[in-house]
Amino acid sequence: VGYRRGGLDVAETVVGVGGGDVVRSQLAQTGSLKGVYFCLETVER
């Protein structure tokens, strides 16, 4: 289960891993670092 924000699907585990590897993974897939950080911020709140 995850949250969909900014056009990206972000798994709940993002909060647990701190986002490091997940950010690089999502960035490689989408090329949108801004979108990734937006997702991480949304999930953590």
PDB file of N, CA and C in Angstrom:
ATOM      1  N   VAL A   1       0.851  -1.201   0.000  1.00  0.00           N
ATOM      2  CA  VAL A   1       0.000   0.000   0.000  1.00  0.00           C
ATOM      3  C   VAL A   1       0.879   1.240   0.000  1.00  0.00           C
ATOM      4  N   GLY A   2       0.477   2.239  -0.745  1.00  0.00           N
ATOM      5  CA  GLY A   2       1.259   3.471  -0.814  1.00  0.00           C
ATOM      6  C   GLY A   2       0.355   4.667  -1.039  1.00  0.00           C
ATOM      7  N   TYR A   3       0.990   5.804  -1.193  1.00  0.00           N
ATOM      8  CA  TYR A   3       0.243   7.036  -1.419  1.00  0.00           C
ATOM      9  C   TYR A   3       0.602   7.561  -2.804  1.00  0.00           C
ATOM     10  N   ARG A   4      -0.387   8.059  -3.519  1.00  0.00           N
ATOM     11  CA  ARG A   4      -0.105   8.609  -4.839  1.00  0.00           C
ATOM     12  C   ARG A   4      -0.167  10.127  -4.769  1.00  0.00           C
ATOM     13  N   ARG A   5       0.984  10.744  -4.984  1.00  0.00           N
ATOM     14  CA  ARG A   5       1.068  12.209  -4.938  1.00  0.00           C
ATOM     15  C   ARG A   5       1.994  12.682  -6.046  1.00  0.00           C
ATOM     16  N   GLY A   6       1.665  13.771  -6.666  1.00  0.00           N
ATOM     17  CA  GLY A   6       2.527  14.337  -7.686  1.00  0.00           C
ATOM     18  C   GLY A   6       2.781  13.401  -8.850  1.00  0.00           C
ATOM     19  N   GLY A   7       1.862  12.468  -9.085  1.00  0.00           N
ATOM     20  CA  GLY A   7       1.992  11.559 -10.199  1.00  0.00           C
ATOM     21  C   GLY A   7       2.918  10.386  -9.924  1.00  0.00           C
ATOM     22  N   LEU A   8       3.335  10.224  -8.664  1.00  0.00           N
ATOM     23  CA  LEU A   8       4.235   9.118  -8.325  1.00  0.00           C
ATOM     24  C   LEU A   8       3.590   8.222  -7.283  1.00  0.00           C
ATOM     25  N   ASP A   9       3.874   6.942  -7.373  1.00  0.00           N
ATOM     26  CA  ASP A   9       3.413   6.006  -6.354  1.00  0.00           C
ATOM     27  C   ASP A   9       4.529   5.800  -5.346  1.00  0.00           C
ATOM     28  N   VAL A  10       4.265   6.120  -4.095  1.00  0.00           N
ATOM     29  CA  VAL A  10       5.293   6.020  -3.069  1.00  0.00           C
ATOM     30  C   VAL A  10       4.844   5.031  -2.004  1.00  0.00           C
ATOM     31  N   ALA A  11       5.639   4.013  -1.782  1.00  0.00           N
ATOM     32  CA  ALA A  11       5.294   2.990  -0.811  1.00  0.00           C
ATOM     33  C   ALA A  11       5.429   3.528   0.604  1.00  0.00           C
ATOM     34  N   GLU A  12       4.696   2.926   1.531  1.00  0.00           N
ATOM     35  CA  GLU A  12       4.749   3.363   2.918  1.00  0.00           C
ATOM     36  C   GLU A  12       6.148   3.205   3.495  1.00  0.00           C
ATOM     37  N   THR A  13       6.933   2.283   2.945  1.00  0.00           N
ATOM     38  CA  THR A  13       8.277   2.023   3.465  1.00  0.00           C
ATOM     39  C   THR A  13       9.206   3.211   3.268  1.00  0.00           C
ATOM     40  N   VAL A  14       8.816   4.177   2.469  1.00  0.00           N
ATOM     41  CA  VAL A  14       9.642   5.366   2.243  1.00  0.00           C
ATOM     42  C   VAL A  14       9.988   6.016   3.570  1.00  0.00           C
ATOM     43  N   VAL A  15       9.011   6.092   4.464  1.00  0.00           N
ATOM     44  CA  VAL A  15       9.231   6.732   5.758  1.00  0.00           C
ATOM     45  C   VAL A  15      10.276   5.963   6.565  1.00  0.00           C
ATOM     46  N   GLY A  16      10.218   4.626   6.484  1.00  0.00           N
ATOM     47  CA  GLY A  16      11.125   3.798   7.268  1.00  0.00           C
ATOM     48  C   GLY A  16      12.568   3.871   6.802  1.00  0.00           C
ATOM     49  N   VAL A  17      12.786   3.917   5.499  1.00  0.00           N
ATOM     50  CA  VAL A  17      14.144   3.887   4.975  1.00  0.00           C
ATOM     51  C   VAL A  17      14.780   5.272   4.949  1.00  0.00           C
ATOM     52  N   GLY A  18      14.025   6.298   5.269  1.00  0.00           N
ATOM     53  CA  GLY A  18      14.585   7.641   5.261  1.00  0.00           C
ATOM     54  C   GLY A  18      14.645   8.264   3.887  1.00  0.00           C
ATOM     55  N   GLY A  19      14.269   7.502   2.866  1.00  0.00           N
ATOM     56  CA  GLY A  19      14.127   8.085   1.540  1.00  0.00           C
ATOM     57  C   GLY A  19      15.369   8.060   0.673  1.00  0.00           C
ATOM     58  N   GLY A  20      16.541   7.733   1.220  1.00  0.00           N
ATOM     59  CA  GLY A  20      17.775   7.801   0.434  1.00  0.00           C
ATOM     60  C   GLY A  20      17.727   6.975  -0.838  1.00  0.00           C
ATOM     61  N   ASP A  21      17.636   5.658  -0.688  1.00  0.00           N
ATOM     62  CA  ASP A  21      17.615   4.779  -1.853  1.00  0.00           C
ATOM     63  C   ASP A  21      16.341   4.973  -2.664  1.00  0.00           C
ATOM     64  N   VAL A  22      15.254   5.244  -1.961  1.00  0.00           N
ATOM     65  CA  VAL A  22      13.975   5.408  -2.647  1.00  0.00           C
ATOM     66  C   VAL A  22      14.007   6.631  -3.556  1.00  0.00           C
ATOM     67  N   VAL A  23      14.617   7.705  -3.060  1.00  0.00           N
ATOM     68  CA  VAL A  23      14.724   8.919  -3.875  1.00  0.00           C
ATOM     69  C   VAL A  23      15.509   8.636  -5.144  1.00  0.00           C
ATOM     70  N   ARG A  24      16.636   7.943  -5.006  1.00  0.00           N
ATOM     71  CA  ARG A  24      17.439   7.635  -6.195  1.00  0.00           C
ATOM     72  C   ARG A  24      16.677   6.723  -7.147  1.00  0.00           C
ATOM     73  N   SER A  25      15.934   5.781  -6.586  1.00  0.00           N
ATOM     74  CA  SER A  25      15.166   4.855  -7.407  1.00  0.00           C
ATOM     75  C   SER A  25      14.079   5.588  -8.178  1.00  0.00           C
ATOM     76  N   GLN A  26      13.321   6.422  -7.477  1.00  0.00           N
ATOM     77  CA  GLN A  26      12.232   7.169  -8.116  1.00  0.00           C
ATOM     78  C   GLN A  26      12.793   8.176  -9.121  1.00  0.00           C
ATOM     79  N   LEU A  27      13.929   8.782  -8.766  1.00  0.00           N
ATOM     80  CA  LEU A  27      14.539   9.761  -9.669  1.00  0.00           C
ATOM     81  C   LEU A  27      14.957   9.092 -10.966  1.00  0.00           C
ATOM     82  N   ALA A  28      15.493   7.879 -10.848  1.00  0.00           N
ATOM     83  CA  ALA A  28      15.906   7.143 -12.038  1.00  0.00           C
ATOM     84  C   ALA A  28      14.703   6.813 -12.918  1.00  0.00           C
ATOM     85  N   GLN A  29      13.559   6.573 -12.285  1.00  0.00           N
ATOM     86  CA  GLN A  29      12.359   6.186 -13.020  1.00  0.00           C
ATOM     87  C   GLN A  29      11.631   7.388 -13.611  1.00  0.00           C
ATOM     88  N   THR A  30      11.604   8.495 -12.865  1.00  0.00           N
ATOM     89  CA  THR A  30      10.777   9.621 -13.282  1.00  0.00           C
ATOM     90  C   THR A  30      11.580  10.815 -13.758  1.00  0.00           C
ATOM     91  N   GLY A  31      12.828  10.953 -13.271  1.00  0.00           N
ATOM     92  CA  GLY A  31      13.632  12.108 -13.626  1.00  0.00           C
ATOM     93  C   GLY A  31      13.137  13.370 -12.954  1.00  0.00           C
ATOM     94  N   SER A  32      12.295  13.213 -11.936  1.00  0.00           N
ATOM     95  CA  SER A  32      11.722  14.385 -11.270  1.00  0.00           C
ATOM     96  C   SER A  32      12.043  14.354  -9.785  1.00  0.00           C
ATOM     97  N   LEU A  33      13.133  15.014  -9.412  1.00  0.00           N
ATOM     98  CA  LEU A  33      13.539  15.038  -8.010  1.00  0.00           C
ATOM     99  C   LEU A  33      12.539  15.843  -7.182  1.00  0.00           C
ATOM    100  N   LYS A  34      12.036  16.921  -7.763  1.00  0.00           N
ATOM    101  CA  LYS A  34      11.054  17.743  -7.062  1.00  0.00           C
ATOM    102  C   LYS A  34       9.813  16.932  -6.715  1.00  0.00           C
ATOM    103  N   GLY A  35       9.362  16.119  -7.671  1.00  0.00           N
ATOM    104  CA  GLY A  35       8.194  15.281  -7.442  1.00  0.00           C
ATOM    105  C   GLY A  35       8.423  14.266  -6.338  1.00  0.00           C
ATOM    106  N   VAL A  36       9.649  13.722  -6.285  1.00  0.00           N
ATOM    107  CA  VAL A  36       9.976  12.734  -5.263  1.00  0.00           C
ATOM    108  C   VAL A  36       9.939  13.363  -3.889  1.00  0.00           C
ATOM    109  N   TYR A  37      10.579  14.517  -3.725  1.00  0.00           N
ATOM    110  CA  TYR A  37      10.592  15.172  -2.422  1.00  0.00           C
ATOM    111  C   TYR A  37       9.185  15.573  -1.986  1.00  0.00           C
ATOM    112  N   PHE A  38       8.368  15.988  -2.941  1.00  0.00           N
ATOM    113  CA  PHE A  38       6.985  16.325  -2.626  1.00  0.00           C
ATOM    114  C   PHE A  38       6.263  15.106  -2.061  1.00  0.00           C
ATOM    115  N   CYS A  39       6.507  13.954  -2.686  1.00  0.00           N
ATOM    116  CA  CYS A  39       5.885  12.713  -2.223  1.00  0.00           C
ATOM    117  C   CYS A  39       6.367  12.348  -0.831  1.00  0.00           C
ATOM    118  N   LEU A  40       7.678  12.434  -0.605  1.00  0.00           N
ATOM    119  CA  LEU A  40       8.244  12.072   0.690  1.00  0.00           C
ATOM    120  C   LEU A  40       7.671  12.957   1.788  1.00  0.00           C
ATOM    121  N   GLU A  41       7.585  14.253   1.521  1.00  0.00           N
ATOM    122  CA  GLU A  41       7.051  15.182   2.510  1.00  0.00           C
ATOM    123  C   GLU A  41       5.592  14.863   2.826  1.00  0.00           C
ATOM    124  N   THR A  42       4.837  14.519   1.807  1.00  0.00           N
ATOM    125  CA  THR A  42       3.426  14.209   1.993  1.00  0.00           C
ATOM    126  C   THR A  42       3.251  12.951   2.833  1.00  0.00           C
ATOM    127  N   VAL A  43       4.064  11.928   2.549  1.00  0.00           N
ATOM    128  CA  VAL A  43       3.941  10.664   3.260  1.00  0.00           C
ATOM    129  C   VAL A  43       4.339  10.813   4.726  1.00  0.00           C
ATOM    130  N   GLU A  44       5.375  11.626   4.986  1.00  0.00           N
ATOM    131  CA  GLU A  44       5.890  11.751   6.340  1.00  0.00           C
ATOM    132  C   GLU A  44       4.947  12.540   7.247  1.00  0.00           C
ATOM    133  N   ARG A  45       4.089  13.364   6.667  1.00  0.00           N
ATOM    134  CA  ARG A  45       3.204  14.190   7.483  1.00  0.00           C
ATOM    135  C   ARG A  45       2.056  13.367   8.056  1.00  0.00           C
TER     136      ARG A  45
END
